[in-house]
């Protein structure tokens, strides 16, 4: 079913809105993929906060024109599904993980602002830890010296109490 001019303008406006806040766009070819598999993939993308949609390439080309993602236009050939997200690792992970289990979904490439990525680059991005994981590691690293300092400070009174207990036990043994 083809879209009329107003519907096309609405789609371009919607995609433009997503692209303005995006940090990554991933393209994948879905030729021959079952509808049930696509539904599962959409649910996973939605859960990860990824805008995931099958769109006409010409409409997406119009939406990304004059944006940092304009270099991606050359890769827009064939039936493609678009994953757009403010978290570049999340979109790459969702599509990459699904593509590992489904040979019908083939990652074609992607882009980050002012940088076009190949399918191999997308796979590398997908293996990176997510933003939340990186923050957790950073907090753990920052917390380690403080924890060690508190343990060291706590060790002085603990040794003192152990020494007193040893003296007490020794005096009780002699009596």
N, C-alpha and C. Protein backbone atom coordinates (compact mmCIF):
# COMPACT_ATOMS: atom_id res chain seq x y z
N UNK A 1 0.85 -1.17 0.00
CA UNK A 1 0.00 0.00 0.00
C UNK A 1 0.90 1.24 0.00
N UNK A 2 0.69 2.10 -0.96
CA UNK A 2 1.52 3.30 -1.04
C UNK A 2 0.94 4.40 -0.15
N UNK A 3 1.83 5.28 0.23
CA UNK A 3 1.44 6.38 1.11
C UNK A 3 1.14 7.61 0.27
N UNK A 4 0.17 8.42 0.71
CA UNK A 4 -0.07 9.68 0.02
C UNK A 4 0.94 10.71 0.52
N UNK A 5 0.95 11.87 -0.07
CA UNK A 5 1.95 12.89 0.23
C UNK A 5 1.95 13.29 1.70
N UNK A 6 0.78 13.44 2.28
CA UNK A 6 0.69 13.84 3.70
C UNK A 6 1.27 12.76 4.61
N UNK A 7 0.97 11.51 4.29
CA UNK A 7 1.51 10.40 5.10
C UNK A 7 3.02 10.33 4.98
N UNK A 8 3.54 10.57 3.78
CA UNK A 8 5.00 10.57 3.58
C UNK A 8 5.65 11.69 4.38
N UNK A 9 5.04 12.86 4.37
CA UNK A 9 5.58 13.99 5.15
C UNK A 9 5.57 13.67 6.64
N UNK A 10 4.53 13.00 7.10
CA UNK A 10 4.44 12.62 8.51
C UNK A 10 5.55 11.62 8.88
N UNK A 11 5.80 10.66 8.00
CA UNK A 11 6.87 9.68 8.26
C UNK A 11 8.22 10.37 8.29
N UNK A 12 8.48 11.25 7.33
CA UNK A 12 9.75 11.98 7.29
C UNK A 12 9.91 12.82 8.55
N UNK A 13 8.85 13.48 9.00
CA UNK A 13 8.91 14.29 10.22
C UNK A 13 9.18 13.41 11.44
N UNK A 14 8.55 12.25 11.50
CA UNK A 14 8.75 11.33 12.63
C UNK A 14 10.20 10.84 12.68
N UNK A 15 10.72 10.43 11.52
CA UNK A 15 12.10 9.93 11.47
C UNK A 15 13.08 11.06 11.76
N UNK A 16 12.82 12.25 11.25
CA UNK A 16 13.68 13.40 11.53
C UNK A 16 13.73 13.68 13.03
N UNK A 17 12.60 13.58 13.70
CA UNK A 17 12.55 13.76 15.15
C UNK A 17 13.40 12.73 15.88
N UNK A 18 13.36 11.49 15.41
CA UNK A 18 14.18 10.44 16.03
C UNK A 18 15.66 10.66 15.75
N UNK A 19 16.00 11.09 14.54
CA UNK A 19 17.39 11.27 14.15
C UNK A 19 18.04 12.43 14.90
N UNK A 20 17.27 13.47 15.21
CA UNK A 20 17.86 14.63 15.90
C UNK A 20 18.38 14.26 17.29
N UNK A 21 17.77 13.26 17.93
CA UNK A 21 18.21 12.85 19.27
C UNK A 21 19.08 11.60 19.22
N UNK A 22 19.30 11.04 18.04
CA UNK A 22 20.00 9.76 17.91
C UNK A 22 21.51 9.90 18.02
N UNK A 23 22.12 8.85 18.53
CA UNK A 23 23.57 8.72 18.54
C UNK A 23 24.03 7.60 17.62
N UNK A 24 23.07 6.80 17.13
CA UNK A 24 23.40 5.73 16.20
C UNK A 24 22.18 5.32 15.39
N UNK A 25 22.45 4.94 14.14
CA UNK A 25 21.44 4.36 13.27
C UNK A 25 22.05 3.08 12.70
N UNK A 26 21.32 1.98 12.82
CA UNK A 26 21.80 0.70 12.29
C UNK A 26 20.82 0.22 11.22
N UNK A 27 21.35 -0.25 10.09
CA UNK A 27 20.55 -0.76 8.99
C UNK A 27 20.72 -2.27 8.90
N UNK A 28 19.63 -2.98 8.70
CA UNK A 28 19.71 -4.43 8.51
C UNK A 28 18.71 -4.85 7.45
N UNK A 29 19.12 -5.81 6.64
CA UNK A 29 18.23 -6.34 5.61
C UNK A 29 17.45 -7.50 6.21
N UNK A 30 16.16 -7.52 5.96
CA UNK A 30 15.28 -8.52 6.57
C UNK A 30 14.63 -9.44 5.55
N UNK A 31 15.18 -9.56 4.38
CA UNK A 31 14.60 -10.33 3.27
C UNK A 31 14.33 -11.78 3.70
N UNK A 32 13.07 -12.22 3.57
CA UNK A 32 12.71 -13.59 3.87
C UNK A 32 12.44 -13.88 5.34
N UNK A 33 12.43 -12.85 6.16
CA UNK A 33 12.23 -13.04 7.60
C UNK A 33 10.74 -13.20 7.91
N UNK A 34 10.43 -14.12 8.81
CA UNK A 34 9.04 -14.38 9.18
C UNK A 34 8.49 -13.22 10.01
N UNK A 35 7.20 -13.00 9.90
CA UNK A 35 6.55 -11.91 10.63
C UNK A 35 6.69 -12.14 12.14
N UNK A 36 6.59 -13.39 12.57
CA UNK A 36 6.70 -13.67 14.01
C UNK A 36 8.09 -13.31 14.53
N UNK A 37 9.12 -13.56 13.73
CA UNK A 37 10.48 -13.18 14.13
C UNK A 37 10.63 -11.67 14.21
N UNK A 38 10.04 -10.98 13.25
CA UNK A 38 10.10 -9.51 13.25
C UNK A 38 9.37 -8.94 14.46
N UNK A 39 8.28 -9.58 14.85
CA UNK A 39 7.53 -9.13 16.03
C UNK A 39 8.36 -9.29 17.30
N UNK A 40 9.07 -10.39 17.41
CA UNK A 40 9.96 -10.63 18.56
C UNK A 40 11.07 -9.57 18.58
N UNK A 41 11.65 -9.30 17.42
CA UNK A 41 12.71 -8.30 17.33
C UNK A 41 12.20 -6.91 17.71
N UNK A 42 11.00 -6.57 17.26
CA UNK A 42 10.41 -5.27 17.62
C UNK A 42 10.20 -5.16 19.13
N UNK A 43 9.76 -6.24 19.75
CA UNK A 43 9.54 -6.22 21.20
C UNK A 43 10.86 -6.03 21.94
N UNK A 44 11.91 -6.70 21.49
CA UNK A 44 13.23 -6.54 22.13
C UNK A 44 13.74 -5.11 21.95
N UNK A 45 13.55 -4.56 20.77
CA UNK A 45 13.99 -3.19 20.51
C UNK A 45 13.22 -2.20 21.38
N UNK A 46 11.92 -2.39 21.48
CA UNK A 46 11.10 -1.50 22.30
C UNK A 46 11.54 -1.56 23.76
N UNK A 47 11.86 -2.76 24.25
CA UNK A 47 12.29 -2.92 25.64
C UNK A 47 13.63 -2.23 25.89
N UNK A 48 14.47 -2.14 24.86
CA UNK A 48 15.77 -1.49 24.99
C UNK A 48 15.71 0.01 24.70
N UNK A 49 14.52 0.53 24.37
CA UNK A 49 14.39 1.95 24.08
C UNK A 49 14.88 2.33 22.70
N UNK A 50 14.79 1.40 21.76
CA UNK A 50 15.26 1.62 20.40
C UNK A 50 14.07 1.86 19.48
N UNK A 51 14.15 2.91 18.66
CA UNK A 51 13.15 3.15 17.61
C UNK A 51 13.47 2.18 16.49
N UNK A 52 12.56 1.27 16.20
CA UNK A 52 12.82 0.19 15.25
C UNK A 52 11.66 0.12 14.27
N UNK A 53 11.97 0.29 12.98
CA UNK A 53 10.89 0.35 12.02
C UNK A 53 11.37 0.02 10.61
N UNK A 54 10.48 -0.57 9.83
CA UNK A 54 10.72 -0.78 8.40
C UNK A 54 10.23 0.48 7.70
N UNK A 55 11.11 1.10 6.93
CA UNK A 55 10.78 2.37 6.28
C UNK A 55 11.22 2.36 4.83
N UNK A 56 10.60 3.21 4.04
CA UNK A 56 11.03 3.37 2.66
C UNK A 56 12.36 4.13 2.67
N UNK A 57 13.32 3.63 1.90
CA UNK A 57 14.65 4.22 1.87
C UNK A 57 14.63 5.68 1.43
N UNK A 58 13.79 6.01 0.47
CA UNK A 58 13.75 7.39 -0.02
C UNK A 58 13.28 8.36 1.08
N UNK A 59 12.36 7.90 1.91
CA UNK A 59 11.87 8.77 2.99
C UNK A 59 12.96 8.97 4.06
N UNK A 60 13.71 7.92 4.34
CA UNK A 60 14.78 8.04 5.33
C UNK A 60 15.90 8.92 4.77
N UNK A 61 16.19 8.80 3.49
CA UNK A 61 17.22 9.67 2.88
C UNK A 61 16.84 11.14 3.05
N UNK A 62 15.56 11.45 2.89
CA UNK A 62 15.10 12.83 3.08
C UNK A 62 15.23 13.25 4.54
N UNK A 63 14.96 12.33 5.44
CA UNK A 63 15.00 12.66 6.87
C UNK A 63 16.43 12.89 7.36
N UNK A 64 17.40 12.16 6.79
CA UNK A 64 18.77 12.31 7.28
C UNK A 64 19.59 13.33 6.49
N UNK A 65 19.02 13.86 5.41
CA UNK A 65 19.73 14.89 4.64
C UNK A 65 20.01 16.08 5.56
N UNK A 66 21.18 16.64 5.44
CA UNK A 66 21.61 17.79 6.25
C UNK A 66 21.69 17.45 7.73
N UNK A 67 21.99 16.20 8.08
CA UNK A 67 22.24 15.79 9.46
C UNK A 67 23.62 15.13 9.50
N UNK A 68 24.16 14.86 10.68
CA UNK A 68 25.45 14.17 10.76
C UNK A 68 25.40 12.73 10.23
N UNK A 69 24.22 12.22 9.93
CA UNK A 69 24.06 10.86 9.43
C UNK A 69 23.92 10.82 7.90
N UNK A 70 24.12 11.93 7.21
CA UNK A 70 23.89 12.01 5.77
C UNK A 70 24.75 11.02 4.99
N UNK A 71 25.92 10.65 5.49
CA UNK A 71 26.80 9.71 4.80
C UNK A 71 26.23 8.30 4.70
N UNK A 72 25.20 8.03 5.45
CA UNK A 72 24.58 6.71 5.48
C UNK A 72 23.71 6.45 4.24
N UNK A 73 23.38 7.48 3.50
CA UNK A 73 22.46 7.37 2.36
C UNK A 73 22.94 6.37 1.30
N UNK A 74 24.25 6.21 1.14
CA UNK A 74 24.79 5.29 0.13
C UNK A 74 24.47 3.83 0.46
N UNK A 75 24.28 3.51 1.73
CA UNK A 75 24.03 2.12 2.15
C UNK A 75 22.55 1.75 2.10
N UNK A 76 21.70 2.69 1.80
CA UNK A 76 20.25 2.45 1.83
C UNK A 76 19.76 1.85 0.52
N UNK A 77 19.96 0.53 0.38
CA UNK A 77 19.55 -0.19 -0.81
C UNK A 77 18.89 -1.49 -0.37
N UNK A 78 17.73 -1.79 -0.94
CA UNK A 78 17.05 -3.03 -0.63
C UNK A 78 16.06 -2.88 0.51
N UNK A 79 15.42 -3.97 0.89
CA UNK A 79 14.46 -3.91 2.01
C UNK A 79 15.21 -3.82 3.34
N UNK A 80 15.09 -2.68 3.98
CA UNK A 80 15.86 -2.45 5.20
C UNK A 80 14.96 -2.15 6.39
N UNK A 81 15.45 -2.54 7.54
CA UNK A 81 14.82 -2.17 8.80
C UNK A 81 15.82 -1.22 9.47
N UNK A 82 15.30 -0.19 10.12
CA UNK A 82 16.13 0.85 10.73
C UNK A 82 16.00 0.80 12.24
N UNK A 83 17.14 0.79 12.92
CA UNK A 83 17.17 0.90 14.38
C UNK A 83 17.84 2.22 14.72
N UNK A 84 17.14 3.07 15.45
CA UNK A 84 17.65 4.39 15.79
C UNK A 84 17.57 4.55 17.30
N UNK A 85 18.67 5.02 17.91
CA UNK A 85 18.68 5.13 19.37
C UNK A 85 19.66 6.19 19.84
N UNK A 86 19.36 6.73 21.03
CA UNK A 86 20.27 7.67 21.68
C UNK A 86 21.42 6.93 22.34
N UNK A 87 21.27 5.63 22.57
CA UNK A 87 22.35 4.81 23.13
C UNK A 87 22.89 3.93 22.00
N UNK A 88 24.08 4.26 21.47
CA UNK A 88 24.58 3.53 20.31
C UNK A 88 24.81 2.04 20.58
N UNK A 89 25.20 1.70 21.79
CA UNK A 89 25.47 0.29 22.10
C UNK A 89 24.16 -0.50 22.16
N UNK A 90 23.10 0.11 22.68
CA UNK A 90 21.82 -0.60 22.82
C UNK A 90 21.27 -1.02 21.47
N UNK A 91 21.25 -0.12 20.51
CA UNK A 91 20.70 -0.46 19.20
C UNK A 91 21.57 -1.50 18.51
N UNK A 92 22.87 -1.38 18.61
CA UNK A 92 23.76 -2.36 17.99
C UNK A 92 23.60 -3.73 18.64
N UNK A 93 23.48 -3.75 19.96
CA UNK A 93 23.33 -5.02 20.69
C UNK A 93 22.05 -5.73 20.32
N UNK A 94 20.95 -5.01 20.30
CA UNK A 94 19.65 -5.63 20.01
C UNK A 94 19.67 -6.28 18.63
N UNK A 95 20.12 -5.55 17.64
CA UNK A 95 20.10 -6.08 16.27
C UNK A 95 21.15 -7.17 16.09
N UNK A 96 22.34 -6.97 16.65
CA UNK A 96 23.41 -7.97 16.51
C UNK A 96 23.04 -9.29 17.19
N UNK A 97 22.50 -9.21 18.40
CA UNK A 97 22.13 -10.43 19.13
C UNK A 97 21.04 -11.19 18.37
N UNK A 98 20.09 -10.47 17.82
CA UNK A 98 19.02 -11.14 17.08
C UNK A 98 19.56 -11.74 15.78
N UNK A 99 20.47 -11.03 15.12
CA UNK A 99 21.03 -11.51 13.85
C UNK A 99 21.86 -12.78 14.05
N UNK A 100 22.45 -12.95 15.24
CA UNK A 100 23.21 -14.17 15.51
C UNK A 100 22.31 -15.40 15.49
N UNK A 101 21.08 -15.25 15.95
CA UNK A 101 20.15 -16.37 16.00
C UNK A 101 19.24 -16.50 14.79
N UNK A 102 19.26 -15.52 13.90
CA UNK A 102 18.38 -15.55 12.75
C UNK A 102 19.18 -15.14 11.51
N UNK A 103 19.44 -16.09 10.63
CA UNK A 103 20.28 -15.81 9.46
C UNK A 103 19.58 -14.96 8.40
N UNK A 104 18.29 -14.74 8.53
CA UNK A 104 17.56 -13.89 7.57
C UNK A 104 17.80 -12.40 7.81
N UNK A 105 18.19 -12.03 9.02
CA UNK A 105 18.47 -10.63 9.34
C UNK A 105 19.97 -10.41 9.15
N UNK A 106 20.32 -9.57 8.20
CA UNK A 106 21.73 -9.31 7.87
C UNK A 106 22.02 -7.83 8.11
N UNK A 107 22.96 -7.56 8.99
CA UNK A 107 23.34 -6.17 9.27
C UNK A 107 24.11 -5.63 8.08
N UNK A 108 23.65 -4.51 7.54
CA UNK A 108 24.29 -3.89 6.38
C UNK A 108 25.30 -2.83 6.78
N UNK A 109 25.06 -2.15 7.89
CA UNK A 109 25.95 -1.09 8.32
C UNK A 109 25.23 -0.17 9.27
N UNK A 110 25.82 0.97 9.48
CA UNK A 110 25.22 1.92 10.39
C UNK A 110 26.00 3.21 10.39
N UNK A 111 25.63 4.08 11.31
CA UNK A 111 26.31 5.35 11.41
C UNK A 111 26.16 5.92 12.81
N UNK A 112 27.20 6.61 13.20
CA UNK A 112 27.16 7.46 14.39
C UNK A 112 27.37 8.86 13.83
N UNK A 113 27.10 9.91 14.60
CA UNK A 113 27.24 11.25 14.03
C UNK A 113 28.59 11.46 13.34
N UNK A 114 28.53 11.83 12.06
CA UNK A 114 29.70 12.11 11.22
C UNK A 114 30.61 10.91 11.03
N UNK A 115 30.10 9.69 11.19
CA UNK A 115 30.92 8.49 11.03
C UNK A 115 30.04 7.34 10.52
N UNK A 116 30.38 6.83 9.34
CA UNK A 116 29.66 5.70 8.77
C UNK A 116 30.37 4.42 9.21
N UNK A 117 29.57 3.40 9.59
CA UNK A 117 30.14 2.14 10.07
C UNK A 117 29.80 1.00 9.12
N UNK A 118 30.72 0.05 9.03
CA UNK A 118 30.45 -1.17 8.28
C UNK A 118 29.74 -2.16 9.20
N UNK A 119 29.35 -3.31 8.65
CA UNK A 119 28.71 -4.34 9.46
C UNK A 119 29.66 -4.84 10.54
N UNK A 120 30.94 -4.91 10.23
CA UNK A 120 31.95 -5.34 11.21
C UNK A 120 32.06 -4.33 12.35
N UNK A 121 32.00 -3.05 12.02
CA UNK A 121 32.04 -2.00 13.04
C UNK A 121 30.83 -2.09 13.96
N UNK A 122 29.68 -2.40 13.40
CA UNK A 122 28.46 -2.55 14.20
C UNK A 122 28.61 -3.72 15.17
N UNK A 123 29.21 -4.82 14.70
CA UNK A 123 29.44 -5.98 15.57
C UNK A 123 30.38 -5.61 16.71
N UNK A 124 31.42 -4.84 16.40
CA UNK A 124 32.35 -4.40 17.45
C UNK A 124 31.64 -3.51 18.46
N UNK A 125 30.79 -2.64 17.98
CA UNK A 125 30.03 -1.76 18.86
C UNK A 125 29.09 -2.57 19.75
N UNK A 126 28.51 -3.62 19.20
CA UNK A 126 27.57 -4.45 19.96
C UNK A 126 28.25 -5.21 21.09
N UNK A 127 29.54 -5.49 20.96
CA UNK A 127 30.24 -6.24 22.01
C UNK A 127 30.74 -5.33 23.13
N UNK A 128 30.63 -4.05 22.95
CA UNK A 128 31.03 -3.11 24.01
C UNK A 128 30.02 -3.18 25.16
N UNK A 129 30.48 -2.87 26.38
CA UNK A 129 29.52 -2.82 27.49
C UNK A 129 28.56 -1.64 27.29
N UNK A 130 27.36 -1.78 27.81
CA UNK A 130 26.37 -0.71 27.68
C UNK A 130 26.75 0.46 28.60
N UNK A 131 26.05 1.54 28.44
CA UNK A 131 26.31 2.74 29.24
C UNK A 131 26.16 2.45 30.73
N UNK A 132 25.12 1.70 31.09
CA UNK A 132 24.88 1.37 32.50
C UNK A 132 26.01 0.50 33.05
N UNK A 133 26.49 -0.46 32.25
CA UNK A 133 27.59 -1.32 32.69
C UNK A 133 28.86 -0.50 32.89
N UNK A 134 29.13 0.43 31.97
CA UNK A 134 30.32 1.27 32.10
C UNK A 134 30.24 2.16 33.34
N UNK A 135 29.06 2.70 33.60
CA UNK A 135 28.88 3.53 34.80
C UNK A 135 29.08 2.69 36.05
N UNK A 136 28.56 1.47 36.06
CA UNK A 136 28.72 0.59 37.22
C UNK A 136 30.19 0.26 37.46
N UNK A 137 30.94 -0.01 36.37
CA UNK A 137 32.37 -0.30 36.50
C UNK A 137 33.12 0.93 37.03
N UNK A 138 32.76 2.10 36.52
CA UNK A 138 33.40 3.34 36.97
C UNK A 138 33.13 3.58 38.45
N UNK A 139 31.88 3.36 38.86
CA UNK A 139 31.54 3.57 40.27
C UNK A 139 32.28 2.56 41.16
N UNK A 140 32.40 1.33 40.69
CA UNK A 140 33.15 0.33 41.44
C UNK A 140 34.60 0.71 41.58
N UNK A 141 35.18 1.24 40.51
CA UNK A 141 36.57 1.68 40.53
C UNK A 141 36.75 2.86 41.47
N UNK A 142 35.80 3.78 41.44
CA UNK A 142 35.89 4.96 42.31
C UNK A 142 35.66 4.59 43.77
N UNK A 143 34.83 3.59 44.00
CA UNK A 143 34.48 3.19 45.36
C UNK A 143 35.57 2.35 46.01
N UNK A 144 36.39 1.65 45.23
CA UNK A 144 37.40 0.74 45.77
C UNK A 144 38.39 1.42 46.72
N UNK A 145 38.99 2.57 46.38
CA UNK A 145 39.93 3.20 47.32
C UNK A 145 39.26 3.63 48.63
N UNK A 146 38.03 4.11 48.53
CA UNK A 146 37.31 4.54 49.73
C UNK A 146 37.03 3.33 50.62
N UNK A 147 36.62 2.24 50.01
CA UNK A 147 36.34 1.02 50.77
C UNK A 147 37.60 0.52 51.45
N UNK A 148 38.70 0.51 50.73
CA UNK A 148 39.98 0.05 51.30
C UNK A 148 40.40 0.97 52.45
N UNK A 149 40.20 2.28 52.31
CA UNK A 149 40.54 3.23 53.36
C UNK A 149 39.72 2.97 54.61
N UNK A 150 38.43 2.74 54.45
CA UNK A 150 37.56 2.46 55.60
C UNK A 150 37.97 1.15 56.26
N UNK A 151 38.32 0.14 55.47
CA UNK A 151 38.77 -1.13 56.04
C UNK A 151 40.06 -0.94 56.83
N UNK A 152 40.96 -0.12 56.32
CA UNK A 152 42.22 0.14 57.01
C UNK A 152 41.97 0.87 58.32
N UNK A 153 41.10 1.88 58.29
CA UNK A 153 40.77 2.60 59.52
C UNK A 153 40.09 1.68 60.54
N UNK A 154 39.28 0.79 60.08
CA UNK A 154 38.57 -0.13 60.96
C UNK A 154 39.51 -1.18 61.54
N UNK A 155 40.61 -1.43 60.87
CA UNK A 155 41.55 -2.47 61.31
C UNK A 155 42.23 -2.09 62.62
N UNK A 156 42.52 -0.82 62.86
CA UNK A 156 43.22 -0.38 64.08
C UNK A 156 42.40 -0.73 65.33
N UNK A 157 41.15 -0.30 65.46
CA UNK A 157 40.41 -0.68 66.66
C UNK A 157 40.16 -2.20 66.75
N UNK A 158 40.02 -2.84 65.59
CA UNK A 158 39.80 -4.28 65.61
C UNK A 158 41.01 -5.00 66.19
N UNK A 159 42.21 -4.61 65.79
CA UNK A 159 43.43 -5.21 66.33
C UNK A 159 43.55 -4.92 67.83
N UNK A 160 43.19 -3.73 68.22
CA UNK A 160 43.25 -3.36 69.64
C UNK A 160 42.32 -4.26 70.46
N UNK A 161 41.10 -4.44 69.97
CA UNK A 161 40.12 -5.29 70.67
C UNK A 161 40.60 -6.73 70.71
N UNK A 162 41.18 -7.22 69.61
CA UNK A 162 41.71 -8.58 69.60
C UNK A 162 42.85 -8.73 70.61
N UNK A 163 43.70 -7.71 70.68
CA UNK A 163 44.81 -7.74 71.66
C UNK A 163 44.29 -7.79 73.08
N UNK A 164 43.27 -6.96 73.39
CA UNK A 164 42.67 -6.98 74.73
C UNK A 164 42.04 -8.33 75.03
N UNK A 165 41.38 -8.90 74.04
CA UNK A 165 40.76 -10.21 74.23
C UNK A 165 41.81 -11.27 74.49
N UNK A 166 42.95 -11.18 73.79
CA UNK A 166 44.03 -12.15 74.01
C UNK A 166 44.61 -12.01 75.41
N UNK A 167 44.79 -10.77 75.85
CA UNK A 167 45.30 -10.54 77.22
C UNK A 167 44.30 -11.08 78.23
N UNK A 168 43.00 -10.82 78.03
CA UNK A 168 41.96 -11.31 78.92
C UNK A 168 41.97 -12.84 78.99
N UNK A 169 42.05 -13.47 77.79
CA UNK A 169 42.07 -14.94 77.76
C UNK A 169 43.30 -15.50 78.45
N UNK A 170 44.42 -14.80 78.30
CA UNK A 170 45.67 -15.27 78.93
C UNK A 170 45.57 -15.15 80.44
N UNK A 171 44.99 -14.07 80.96
CA UNK A 171 44.84 -13.86 82.40
C UNK A 171 43.84 -14.87 82.98
N UNK A 172 42.77 -15.14 82.20
CA UNK A 172 41.78 -16.12 82.67
C UNK A 172 42.38 -17.52 82.71
N UNK A 173 43.29 -17.81 81.79
CA UNK A 173 43.93 -19.14 81.75
C UNK A 173 44.88 -19.32 82.93
N UNK A 174 45.50 -18.23 83.39
CA UNK A 174 46.44 -18.33 84.52
C UNK A 174 45.72 -18.37 85.85
N UNK A 175 44.52 -17.89 85.90
CA UNK A 175 43.78 -17.88 87.17
C UNK A 175 43.05 -19.14 87.43
